[in-house]
Amino acid sequence: MHRAAHRVLVVGIDGVRLDVLNRLPTPQLDALAAKGFLAPIEVDADMPTMSGPCWATVVTGVTVAKHGVWSNDFTGNRLDVFPDFATRLAAQDGRRTFVAAGWQPLMQAHHGGPLFRAPSRTAYISPTADTPEAWEHCDEQITEAAVRVLADAEAAAAGVAGAADDVVASFVYLGAPDETAHFLGCGEEYEASIRRADARLGRLLAAVRSRPSYADEQWTFLVVTDHGHVDAGGHGGRTSEERTAWLVAAGPGIGPAPRPLRHADVAAQVFAALGRHPDRHWTLDGRPFAAAPHAVLLDMDGTLVDTESLWLRTVREAVPRIGADDLFDVLGRSAAEAAARLLPLTGDNDPQPLAADLEARFLTAVQREAAPLPGALALLDLLQESGIPTALVSASSRPVMDAVLKTLGGDRFRTTVAEGETPRCKPAADPYLAAARALWVDPAACLAVEDSPTGVAAAEAAGCRVLAVPSYAPIDPGPRRTVRRGLEGIGREELWAAGL
């Protein structure tokens, strides 16, 4: 299956107040927001409302306490430990990145800079003076330089798609609105500068769409501001107008903004959009709001097939005196573990006969009655169409799993893990760890789909993101856990956001 190449464009527009933006005609930003979202960002409580700290947080994905940029003088920073996303991708992954900006601390060793240490390619054009007019001219030149790179002009001239730099992540900085507010306040000239920035964004987007390879690419667009202004034009204080920033996002899997956003989420989303699962040693403070899982690990009973009712019926038949608490305690457990827990109710000393009875009864019921749950086959189709590897991870025995695979289609899964094939069964992490190893993926980049508290405990012990669809026992939402009523209606947006 052909998989589209992923690309990211981040556009930073300095100093645009959200309330002003909301009342202006900005067709380019509006069109992007319609495909994804426009949402406010509140500057972190411990971060000055200044460009240096805010942009450093945007591009590193860590807060000011880590990157150490406390003002527009970057001296004393820790950007060698917490580099910008363009440098990380270039230095650690060998990916081509591009940054275009005219503010000196972003690009040159000036007052403790640069913020961007070592992107693959840069365009630096400084304004001739610190005036609104000079910054407008600078932004125009920066836009022209970025258009040439984003359009892949060299490849177009050669007639070969993707033959030039093959830049995967770009950051373009536009500073005129901030400078205009400083000189003239947040009046008509400020609003005109914001509209010009929107028009420049349109040219950047048009350049991307003109690429010879555009049809084979999936682009994520992130447009963000660093801070606002008071009416007179300054910033650096703690008023609502200064602390309220915003983000516009559109791209694969991006739907409505799911939660309060932070500046640090931008870099995290860049990595997620490129399929780059962050190393834990990066200690990013930001979280992506949409990330395709590297693999989806699916429970079977009660999640994909309607077998939990068969299992509960089997247990009741084998242990007629069982109460509700004991009955639901064995939900999601293997026949052997269930038998060990139920033994006090039977008066027997040996759990093996009960385990064998449970297994035989359950297998017969599954062979006769098992059927896919609503939405299960559609979800498996979506994962197959998206090229996401899948695994079936169950506490049921191999014979039961094989019976279910005849119903679901065994070719849908790259690997399967049944009861007895790992040292421990659910709720231990072993089955999910084994599935992730078989797929050569980090469990933390996987999404587990489960219906029982036992299964959720196993998936979370392995470090997976979790999408819970409770069958009989309730499951509460939690960190890296999303709860839905069922599988019906799950699309890319829901899948990409689950467990984040």
Protein backbone atom coordinates (compact mmCIF):
# COMPACT_ATOMS: atom_id res chain seq x y z
CA MET A 1 0.00 0.00 0.00
CA HIS A 2 1.32 3.46 -0.93
CA ARG A 3 1.61 5.77 2.07
CA ALA A 4 1.69 9.53 1.67
CA ALA A 5 4.74 11.43 2.89
CA HIS A 6 4.06 13.66 5.88
CA ARG A 7 5.13 17.32 5.98
CA VAL A 8 4.66 20.14 8.51
CA LEU A 9 4.60 23.91 8.11
CA VAL A 10 4.61 26.08 11.24
CA VAL A 11 4.00 29.80 10.72
CA GLY A 12 4.68 32.08 13.67
CA ILE A 13 2.97 35.49 13.49
CA ASP A 14 4.28 37.67 16.31
CA GLY A 15 2.05 39.60 18.68
CA VAL A 16 -1.48 39.08 17.28
CA ARG A 17 -4.28 39.62 19.80
CA LEU A 18 -7.00 36.99 19.62
CA ASP A 19 -9.87 39.44 20.11
CA VAL A 20 -8.55 41.56 17.24
CA LEU A 21 -8.05 38.53 15.04
CA ASN A 22 -11.61 37.36 15.69
CA ARG A 23 -13.12 40.57 14.33
CA LEU A 24 -10.93 40.83 11.22
CA PRO A 25 -11.45 39.24 7.80
CA THR A 26 -8.56 36.76 7.59
CA PRO A 27 -9.63 34.32 4.87
CA GLN A 28 -6.49 32.18 4.95
CA LEU A 29 -6.58 31.59 8.70
CA ASP A 30 -10.35 31.12 8.58
CA ALA A 31 -10.07 28.46 5.88
CA LEU A 32 -7.47 26.52 7.85
CA ALA A 33 -9.52 26.79 11.06
CA ALA A 34 -12.57 25.44 9.21
CA LYS A 35 -10.58 22.30 8.39
CA GLY A 36 -9.25 21.95 11.94
CA PHE A 37 -9.53 24.50 14.73
CA LEU A 38 -8.71 27.96 16.05
CA ALA A 39 -8.22 27.83 19.80
CA PRO A 40 -6.81 30.13 22.48
CA ILE A 41 -3.54 29.47 24.28
CA GLU A 42 -2.92 31.03 27.65
CA VAL A 43 0.72 31.90 28.23
CA ASP A 44 2.04 29.78 31.10
CA ALA A 45 1.73 31.47 34.47
CA ASP A 46 5.48 31.44 35.08
CA MET A 47 6.43 32.66 31.59
CA PRO A 48 6.92 36.34 30.72
CA THR A 49 4.67 37.58 27.92
CA MET A 50 7.69 38.29 25.73
CA SER A 51 8.68 36.95 22.34
CA GLY A 52 11.86 35.16 23.41
CA PRO A 53 10.36 32.89 26.10
CA CYS A 54 7.18 32.23 24.14
CA TRP A 55 8.84 31.31 20.84
CA ALA A 56 11.39 29.18 22.66
CA THR A 57 8.55 27.23 24.25
CA VAL A 58 6.72 26.90 20.93
CA VAL A 59 9.66 25.39 19.04
CA THR A 60 11.31 23.31 21.80
CA GLY A 61 8.19 21.79 23.36
CA VAL A 62 9.47 22.50 26.89
CA THR A 63 8.67 25.28 29.33
CA VAL A 64 10.82 28.21 30.34
CA ALA A 65 12.14 26.40 33.42
CA LYS A 66 13.88 23.94 31.08
CA HIS A 67 14.93 25.97 28.04
CA GLY A 68 16.02 28.91 30.17
CA VAL A 69 14.99 31.74 27.83
CA TRP A 70 13.46 34.26 30.22
CA SER A 71 13.48 37.40 28.07
CA ASN A 72 14.45 38.64 24.62
CA ASP A 73 18.07 38.29 25.76
CA PHE A 74 18.72 34.55 25.39
CA THR A 75 21.91 34.55 27.49
CA GLY A 76 22.05 31.61 29.91
CA ASN A 77 19.69 29.43 27.86
CA ARG A 78 19.74 25.61 27.81
CA LEU A 79 18.92 25.21 24.13
CA ASP A 80 21.81 22.78 23.74
CA VAL A 81 19.89 20.38 26.00
CA PHE A 82 16.41 21.28 24.72
CA PRO A 83 16.84 22.19 21.04
CA ASP A 84 14.19 23.40 18.61
CA PHE A 85 12.24 20.84 16.56
CA ALA A 86 14.03 21.77 13.32
CA THR A 87 17.41 21.03 14.88
CA ARG A 88 16.24 17.82 16.59
CA LEU A 89 14.83 16.42 13.37
CA ALA A 90 17.91 17.36 11.37
CA ALA A 91 20.54 16.26 13.89
CA GLN A 92 18.92 13.15 15.33
CA ASP A 93 16.86 11.82 12.41
CA GLY A 94 18.70 13.22 9.41
CA ARG A 95 15.51 14.88 8.16
CA ARG A 96 15.62 18.05 6.10
CA THR A 97 14.24 21.11 7.89
CA PHE A 98 13.91 24.79 6.99
CA VAL A 99 13.58 28.00 9.01
CA ALA A 100 12.98 31.51 7.64
CA ALA A 101 12.97 34.53 9.98
CA GLY A 102 14.13 38.10 10.29
CA TRP A 103 14.37 38.55 14.05
CA GLN A 104 18.06 38.25 14.88
CA PRO A 105 17.94 36.21 18.13
CA LEU A 106 16.05 33.47 16.32
CA MET A 107 18.76 32.99 13.74
CA GLN A 108 22.11 34.44 14.83
CA ALA A 109 24.44 34.45 17.84
CA HIS A 110 22.98 37.68 19.15
CA HIS A 111 22.09 38.30 22.81
CA GLY A 112 22.56 34.62 23.59
CA GLY A 113 20.91 33.29 20.43
CA PRO A 114 20.21 31.69 18.10
CA LEU A 115 17.01 29.93 19.05
CA PHE A 116 17.26 27.76 15.93
CA ARG A 117 20.65 26.10 16.33
CA ALA A 118 21.13 23.87 13.28
CA PRO A 119 18.23 23.41 10.85
CA SER A 120 19.17 21.89 7.50
CA ARG A 121 18.43 25.11 5.66
CA THR A 122 17.74 28.70 6.68
CA ALA A 123 16.74 32.06 5.23
CA TYR A 124 17.69 35.04 7.38
CA ILE A 125 16.85 38.54 6.18
CA SER A 126 16.93 41.21 8.86
CA PRO A 127 14.90 44.43 8.67
CA THR A 128 16.84 47.55 7.76
CA ALA A 129 15.38 49.35 10.79
CA ASP A 130 13.09 48.65 13.72
CA THR A 131 10.07 50.33 12.15
CA PRO A 132 6.73 48.97 10.97
CA GLU A 133 7.60 49.74 7.36
CA ALA A 134 10.97 47.99 7.53
CA TRP A 135 9.41 44.94 9.16
CA GLU A 136 6.69 44.74 6.50
CA HIS A 137 9.41 44.73 3.85
CA CYS A 138 11.35 42.12 5.81
CA ASP A 139 8.29 39.88 6.12
CA GLU A 140 7.75 40.22 2.39
CA GLN A 141 11.29 39.07 1.67
CA ILE A 142 11.03 36.22 4.16
CA THR A 143 7.79 35.10 2.51
CA GLU A 144 9.38 35.18 -0.94
CA ALA A 145 12.33 33.10 0.27
CA ALA A 146 10.05 30.59 1.99
CA VAL A 147 7.80 30.29 -1.06
CA ARG A 148 10.76 29.20 -3.17
CA VAL A 149 11.69 26.44 -0.72
CA LEU A 150 8.15 25.31 0.08
CA ALA A 151 7.19 25.14 -3.59
CA ASP A 152 10.19 22.88 -4.17
CA ALA A 153 11.12 25.19 -7.01
CA GLU A 154 14.34 23.36 -7.85
CA ALA A 155 12.46 20.10 -8.32
CA ALA A 156 9.81 21.81 -10.41
CA ALA A 157 12.47 23.30 -12.68
CA ALA A 158 14.01 19.86 -13.07
CA GLY A 159 10.62 18.28 -13.73
CA VAL A 160 11.13 15.76 -10.91
CA ALA A 161 8.79 15.58 -7.91
CA GLY A 162 10.64 15.78 -4.60
CA ALA A 163 14.11 15.87 -6.19
CA ALA A 164 15.44 18.88 -4.28
CA ASP A 165 15.73 19.43 -0.54
CA ASP A 166 12.73 17.28 0.44
CA VAL A 167 12.12 19.50 3.47
CA VAL A 168 9.75 17.78 5.91
CA ALA A 169 9.36 20.47 8.61
CA SER A 170 9.49 24.26 8.23
CA PHE A 171 9.10 27.30 10.45
CA VAL A 172 8.38 30.72 8.95
CA TYR A 173 8.36 33.81 11.19
CA LEU A 174 6.43 37.01 10.43
CA GLY A 175 7.16 39.90 12.80
CA ALA A 176 5.49 43.01 11.36
CA PRO A 177 2.24 42.92 13.41
CA ASP A 178 4.18 42.97 16.69
CA GLU A 179 6.41 45.83 15.58
CA THR A 180 3.42 47.80 14.33
CA ALA A 181 1.66 47.44 17.68
CA HIS A 182 4.79 48.62 19.52
CA PHE A 183 4.99 51.80 17.46
CA LEU A 184 1.35 52.59 16.72
CA GLY A 185 -0.80 50.62 19.21
CA CYS A 186 -3.54 48.16 18.36
CA GLY A 187 -5.44 50.38 15.94
CA GLU A 188 -6.09 50.45 12.22
CA GLU A 189 -2.44 50.05 11.15
CA TYR A 190 -2.08 47.06 13.45
CA GLU A 191 -5.19 45.47 11.95
CA ALA A 192 -3.89 46.15 8.44
CA SER A 193 -0.61 44.45 9.32
CA ILE A 194 -2.48 41.36 10.56
CA ARG A 195 -4.42 41.22 7.28
CA ARG A 196 -1.14 41.43 5.34
CA ALA A 197 0.26 38.59 7.42
CA ASP A 198 -2.82 36.54 6.55
CA ALA A 199 -2.24 37.25 2.86
CA ARG A 200 1.40 36.14 3.20
CA LEU A 201 0.18 32.95 4.85
CA GLY A 202 -1.97 32.43 1.78
CA ARG A 203 1.09 32.63 -0.45
CA LEU A 204 2.91 30.08 1.69
CA LEU A 205 -0.07 27.72 1.47
CA ALA A 206 -0.31 28.23 -2.29
CA ALA A 207 3.39 27.39 -2.60
CA VAL A 208 2.85 24.13 -0.74
CA ARG A 209 -0.11 23.21 -2.94
CA SER A 210 1.92 23.94 -6.07
CA ARG A 211 4.57 21.35 -5.20
CA PRO A 212 5.17 18.69 -7.89
CA SER A 213 4.86 16.05 -5.15
CA TYR A 214 1.86 17.59 -3.33
CA ALA A 215 -0.57 14.85 -4.38
CA ASP A 216 1.62 12.29 -2.61
CA GLU A 217 2.01 14.32 0.61
CA GLN A 218 -0.05 14.92 3.74
CA TRP A 219 0.52 18.35 5.23
CA THR A 220 -0.06 19.60 8.76
CA PHE A 221 -0.36 23.38 9.09
CA LEU A 222 0.17 25.10 12.45
CA VAL A 223 -0.14 28.89 12.73
CA VAL A 224 0.58 30.35 16.14
CA THR A 225 1.19 33.64 17.91
CA ASP A 226 3.35 34.18 20.95
CA HIS A 227 1.48 36.79 23.02
CA GLY A 228 -0.96 39.66 22.76
CA HIS A 229 -0.72 43.40 23.46
CA VAL A 230 -2.36 46.06 25.56
CA ASP A 231 -4.29 48.64 23.58
CA ALA A 232 -1.37 51.06 23.64
CA GLY A 233 0.84 48.43 22.03
CA GLY A 234 3.13 47.06 24.71
CA HIS A 235 3.33 43.65 26.32
CA GLY A 236 5.21 41.84 29.07
CA GLY A 237 2.53 42.12 31.72
CA ARG A 238 -0.15 39.74 32.96
CA THR A 239 -3.35 41.22 31.53
CA SER A 240 -5.73 38.94 29.67
CA GLU A 241 -4.97 40.74 26.41
CA GLU A 242 -1.24 40.06 26.80
CA ARG A 243 -1.48 36.47 28.09
CA THR A 244 -3.97 35.21 25.48
CA ALA A 245 -2.32 33.72 22.42
CA TRP A 246 -3.86 31.33 19.87
CA LEU A 247 -3.21 28.41 17.55
CA VAL A 248 -4.75 27.46 14.22
CA ALA A 249 -4.21 23.83 13.26
CA ALA A 250 -5.27 21.69 10.31
CA GLY A 251 -4.04 18.39 8.95
CA PRO A 252 -4.42 14.61 9.14
CA GLY A 253 -6.44 13.55 12.17
CA ILE A 254 -6.90 17.12 13.48
CA GLY A 255 -10.47 17.89 14.50
CA PRO A 256 -11.87 20.25 17.12
CA ALA A 257 -9.43 21.36 19.81
CA PRO A 258 -9.81 18.64 22.46
CA ARG A 259 -8.55 20.44 25.56
CA PRO A 260 -6.85 23.63 26.77
CA LEU A 261 -3.73 24.08 24.66
CA ARG A 262 -0.25 25.25 25.60
CA HIS A 263 2.57 26.72 23.55
CA ALA A 264 4.66 23.61 24.23
CA ASP A 265 2.08 21.49 22.40
CA VAL A 266 3.14 22.93 19.04
CA ALA A 267 6.53 21.19 18.87
CA ALA A 268 4.96 18.00 20.24
CA GLN A 269 2.44 18.12 17.39
CA VAL A 270 5.20 18.62 14.83
CA PHE A 271 6.85 15.38 15.95
CA ALA A 272 3.51 13.56 16.05
CA ALA A 273 2.53 14.74 12.57
CA LEU A 274 5.77 13.30 11.21
CA GLY A 275 5.24 10.01 13.03
CA ARG A 276 8.21 10.74 15.29
CA HIS A 277 7.57 9.34 18.76
CA PRO A 278 9.60 11.49 21.18
CA ASP A 279 12.40 9.88 23.13
CA ARG A 280 11.50 9.86 26.84
CA HIS A 281 14.84 11.53 27.59
CA TRP A 282 13.64 14.65 25.77
CA THR A 283 11.20 15.23 28.68
CA LEU A 284 8.86 17.27 26.50
CA ASP A 285 6.27 19.27 28.40
CA GLY A 286 3.96 19.56 25.40
CA ARG A 287 1.50 16.94 24.21
CA PRO A 288 0.21 16.43 20.68
CA PHE A 289 -3.50 16.85 20.08
CA ALA A 290 -3.58 14.45 17.12
CA ALA A 291 -1.14 11.58 16.56
CA ALA A 292 -1.53 8.52 14.41
CA PRO A 293 -0.70 5.51 16.58
CA HIS A 294 2.30 3.55 15.34
CA ALA A 295 0.23 0.40 15.90
CA VAL A 296 -3.19 -0.48 17.29
CA LEU A 297 -3.36 -3.41 19.70
CA LEU A 298 -6.90 -4.72 20.00
CA ASP A 299 -8.49 -6.81 22.68
CA MET A 300 -10.87 -9.44 21.32
CA ASP A 301 -13.62 -10.49 23.76
CA GLY A 302 -16.18 -7.75 24.30
CA THR A 303 -14.17 -5.32 22.18
CA LEU A 304 -14.34 -6.72 18.66
CA VAL A 305 -16.69 -9.65 19.14
CA ASP A 306 -19.72 -10.18 21.33
CA THR A 307 -18.19 -12.91 23.49
CA GLU A 308 -18.23 -11.29 26.93
CA SER A 309 -21.89 -12.22 27.30
CA LEU A 310 -20.97 -15.79 26.30
CA TRP A 311 -18.16 -15.81 28.87
CA LEU A 312 -20.38 -14.53 31.68
CA ARG A 313 -23.02 -17.09 30.78
CA THR A 314 -20.34 -19.80 30.78
CA VAL A 315 -19.16 -18.79 34.26
CA ARG A 316 -22.72 -18.73 35.62
CA GLU A 317 -23.38 -22.20 34.22
CA ALA A 318 -20.13 -23.59 35.67
CA VAL A 319 -20.48 -21.82 39.05
CA PRO A 320 -24.22 -21.35 39.69
CA ARG A 321 -23.71 -19.78 43.14
CA ILE A 322 -21.59 -16.90 41.84
CA GLY A 323 -22.51 -13.33 42.80
CA ALA A 324 -22.28 -10.21 40.69
CA ASP A 325 -18.99 -8.98 42.20
CA ASP A 326 -17.21 -12.28 41.62
CA LEU A 327 -18.73 -12.58 38.17
CA PHE A 328 -17.41 -9.22 36.95
CA ASP A 329 -14.06 -9.82 38.65
CA VAL A 330 -13.32 -12.59 36.13
CA LEU A 331 -14.23 -10.40 33.16
CA GLY A 332 -11.25 -10.16 30.82
CA ARG A 333 -9.34 -12.94 32.60
CA SER A 334 -8.18 -16.29 31.25
CA ALA A 335 -10.01 -19.51 32.08
CA ALA A 336 -7.14 -20.58 34.34
CA GLU A 337 -7.09 -17.29 36.31
CA ALA A 338 -10.88 -17.26 36.53
CA ALA A 339 -10.90 -20.82 37.87
CA ALA A 340 -8.31 -19.93 40.54
CA ARG A 341 -10.42 -16.99 41.69
CA LEU A 342 -13.69 -18.98 41.64
CA LEU A 343 -12.38 -22.05 43.42
CA PRO A 344 -13.59 -20.96 46.92
CA LEU A 345 -17.15 -20.89 45.54
CA THR A 346 -16.99 -24.50 44.33
CA GLY A 347 -15.64 -26.24 47.42
CA ASP A 348 -13.01 -28.01 45.28
CA ASN A 349 -9.27 -28.06 45.91
CA ASP A 350 -8.00 -28.28 42.33
CA PRO A 351 -8.76 -25.43 39.90
CA GLN A 352 -7.73 -27.39 36.77
CA PRO A 353 -11.02 -29.27 36.23
CA LEU A 354 -12.95 -26.01 36.54
CA ALA A 355 -10.58 -24.28 34.12
CA ALA A 356 -11.01 -27.09 31.60
CA ASP A 357 -14.79 -26.95 31.97
CA LEU A 358 -14.84 -23.18 31.49
CA GLU A 359 -12.61 -23.44 28.43
CA ALA A 360 -14.67 -26.19 26.77
CA ARG A 361 -18.01 -24.49 27.41
CA PHE A 362 -16.72 -21.11 26.22
CA LEU A 363 -15.13 -22.48 23.04
CA THR A 364 -18.35 -24.21 22.06
CA ALA A 365 -20.35 -21.03 22.61
CA VAL A 366 -17.88 -18.94 20.60
CA GLN A 367 -17.88 -21.36 17.68
CA ARG A 368 -21.67 -21.27 17.53
CA GLU A 369 -22.54 -17.70 18.44
CA ALA A 370 -19.64 -15.24 18.19
CA ALA A 371 -20.32 -12.19 15.99
CA PRO A 372 -18.52 -8.87 15.40
CA LEU A 373 -19.69 -6.00 17.56
CA PRO A 374 -21.10 -2.86 15.86
CA GLY A 375 -18.29 -0.81 14.37
CA ALA A 376 -15.63 -3.49 14.75
CA LEU A 377 -15.20 -4.37 11.08
CA ALA A 378 -15.36 -0.70 10.08
CA LEU A 379 -12.55 0.10 12.54
CA LEU A 380 -10.41 -2.74 11.19
CA ASP A 381 -11.06 -1.47 7.65
CA LEU A 382 -10.00 2.05 8.68
CA LEU A 383 -6.76 0.76 10.20
CA GLN A 384 -6.02 -1.27 7.09
CA GLU A 385 -6.72 1.70 4.80
CA SER A 386 -4.49 3.90 6.97
CA GLY A 387 -1.60 1.43 6.84
CA ILE A 388 -1.48 1.13 10.64
CA PRO A 389 -0.23 -2.28 11.87
CA THR A 390 -2.64 -4.15 14.12
CA ALA A 391 -2.35 -6.94 16.69
CA LEU A 392 -4.99 -9.04 18.41
CA VAL A 393 -4.22 -9.36 22.13
CA SER A 394 -6.50 -11.61 24.14
CA ALA A 395 -6.79 -13.43 27.45
CA SER A 396 -8.63 -16.20 25.62
CA SER A 397 -6.93 -19.41 24.56
CA ARG A 398 -5.52 -20.02 21.10
CA PRO A 399 -8.45 -22.28 20.08
CA VAL A 400 -10.93 -19.54 21.05
CA MET A 401 -8.89 -16.90 19.24
CA ASP A 402 -8.68 -19.04 16.10
CA ALA A 403 -12.45 -19.47 16.15
CA VAL A 404 -12.90 -15.69 16.37
CA LEU A 405 -10.36 -15.04 13.61
CA LYS A 406 -12.59 -17.00 11.23
CA THR A 407 -15.27 -14.41 11.97
CA LEU A 408 -13.05 -11.33 11.79
CA GLY A 409 -10.63 -12.44 9.07
CA GLY A 410 -7.19 -13.52 10.18
CA ASP A 411 -5.39 -11.47 7.52
CA ARG A 412 -6.39 -8.26 9.31
CA PHE A 413 -3.73 -8.70 12.02
CA ARG A 414 0.05 -8.75 11.67
CA THR A 415 0.42 -10.66 14.92
CA THR A 416 -1.79 -12.26 17.57
CA VAL A 417 -1.15 -13.01 21.25
CA ALA A 418 -3.35 -15.50 23.09
CA GLU A 419 -3.52 -16.74 26.67
CA GLY A 420 -0.54 -18.87 27.66
CA GLU A 421 1.79 -17.36 25.05
CA THR A 422 3.41 -14.92 27.46
CA PRO A 423 4.77 -15.54 30.98
CA ARG A 424 1.82 -13.71 32.51
CA CYS A 425 -1.66 -12.91 31.25
CA LYS A 426 -3.73 -9.74 31.64
CA PRO A 427 -3.81 -7.68 33.87
CA ALA A 428 -0.03 -7.97 33.60
CA ALA A 429 1.63 -6.00 30.80
CA ASP A 430 3.20 -9.06 29.15
CA PRO A 431 0.69 -9.63 26.31
CA TYR A 432 0.81 -6.01 25.17
CA LEU A 433 4.58 -5.83 25.45
CA ALA A 434 4.85 -9.01 23.36
CA ALA A 435 2.57 -7.60 20.66
CA ALA A 436 4.53 -4.33 20.47
CA ARG A 437 7.81 -6.23 20.22
CA ALA A 438 6.44 -8.38 17.42
CA LEU A 439 5.51 -5.22 15.51
CA TRP A 440 8.83 -3.48 16.30
CA VAL A 441 7.13 -0.45 17.85
CA ASP A 442 7.42 1.38 21.16
CA PRO A 443 4.43 0.46 23.36
CA ALA A 444 4.09 4.15 24.30
CA ALA A 445 3.38 4.93 20.64
CA CYS A 446 0.67 2.24 20.45
CA LEU A 447 -3.05 2.58 21.02
CA ALA A 448 -4.71 -0.31 22.87
CA VAL A 449 -8.46 -0.82 22.46
CA GLU A 450 -10.04 -2.53 25.46
CA ASP A 451 -13.44 -3.16 27.05
CA SER A 452 -12.60 -4.31 30.59
CA PRO A 453 -10.75 -2.84 33.58
CA THR A 454 -8.47 -5.90 33.51
CA GLY A 455 -7.47 -5.24 29.93
CA VAL A 456 -7.04 -1.51 30.52
CA ALA A 457 -4.73 -2.27 33.44
CA ALA A 458 -2.61 -4.51 31.22
CA ALA A 459 -2.37 -1.97 28.40
CA GLU A 460 -1.51 0.89 30.75
CA ALA A 461 1.07 -1.22 32.55
CA ALA A 462 2.74 -1.64 29.15
CA GLY A 463 2.69 2.14 28.64
CA CYS A 464 0.13 2.20 25.82
CA ARG A 465 -2.39 4.89 25.01
CA VAL A 466 -5.84 3.43 25.66
CA LEU A 467 -9.21 3.68 23.97
CA ALA A 468 -11.73 2.05 26.31
CA VAL A 469 -15.15 0.86 25.14
CA PRO A 470 -16.66 -0.60 28.35
CA SER A 471 -18.80 -3.68 27.92
CA TYR A 472 -20.09 -4.67 31.39
CA ALA A 473 -17.80 -3.12 34.02
CA PRO A 474 -17.49 0.70 34.06
CA ILE A 475 -14.21 2.39 33.10
CA ASP A 476 -13.42 6.00 34.00
CA PRO A 477 -11.41 8.37 31.78
CA GLY A 478 -7.84 8.95 32.89
CA PRO A 479 -4.40 10.09 31.73
CA ARG A 480 -3.66 8.72 28.25
CA ARG A 481 -7.09 7.04 28.35
CA THR A 482 -10.16 7.92 26.30
CA VAL A 483 -13.54 6.30 27.01
CA ARG A 484 -16.26 5.83 24.36
CA ARG A 485 -19.57 4.01 24.41
CA GLY A 486 -18.59 1.77 21.52
CA LEU A 487 -16.64 1.43 18.28
CA GLU A 488 -19.31 2.80 15.98
CA GLY A 489 -18.49 6.12 14.32
CA ILE A 490 -14.76 6.10 15.02
CA GLY A 491 -12.93 7.97 12.29
CA ARG A 492 -9.39 9.24 11.90
CA GLU A 493 -9.94 12.26 14.11
CA GLU A 494 -11.22 10.16 17.02
CA LEU A 495 -8.51 7.54 16.52
CA TRP A 496 -5.68 10.10 16.24
CA ALA A 497 -6.84 11.91 19.41
CA ALA A 498 -7.55 8.82 21.54
CA GLY A 499 -5.41 8.44 24.62
CA LEU A 500 -3.56 11.74 24.24
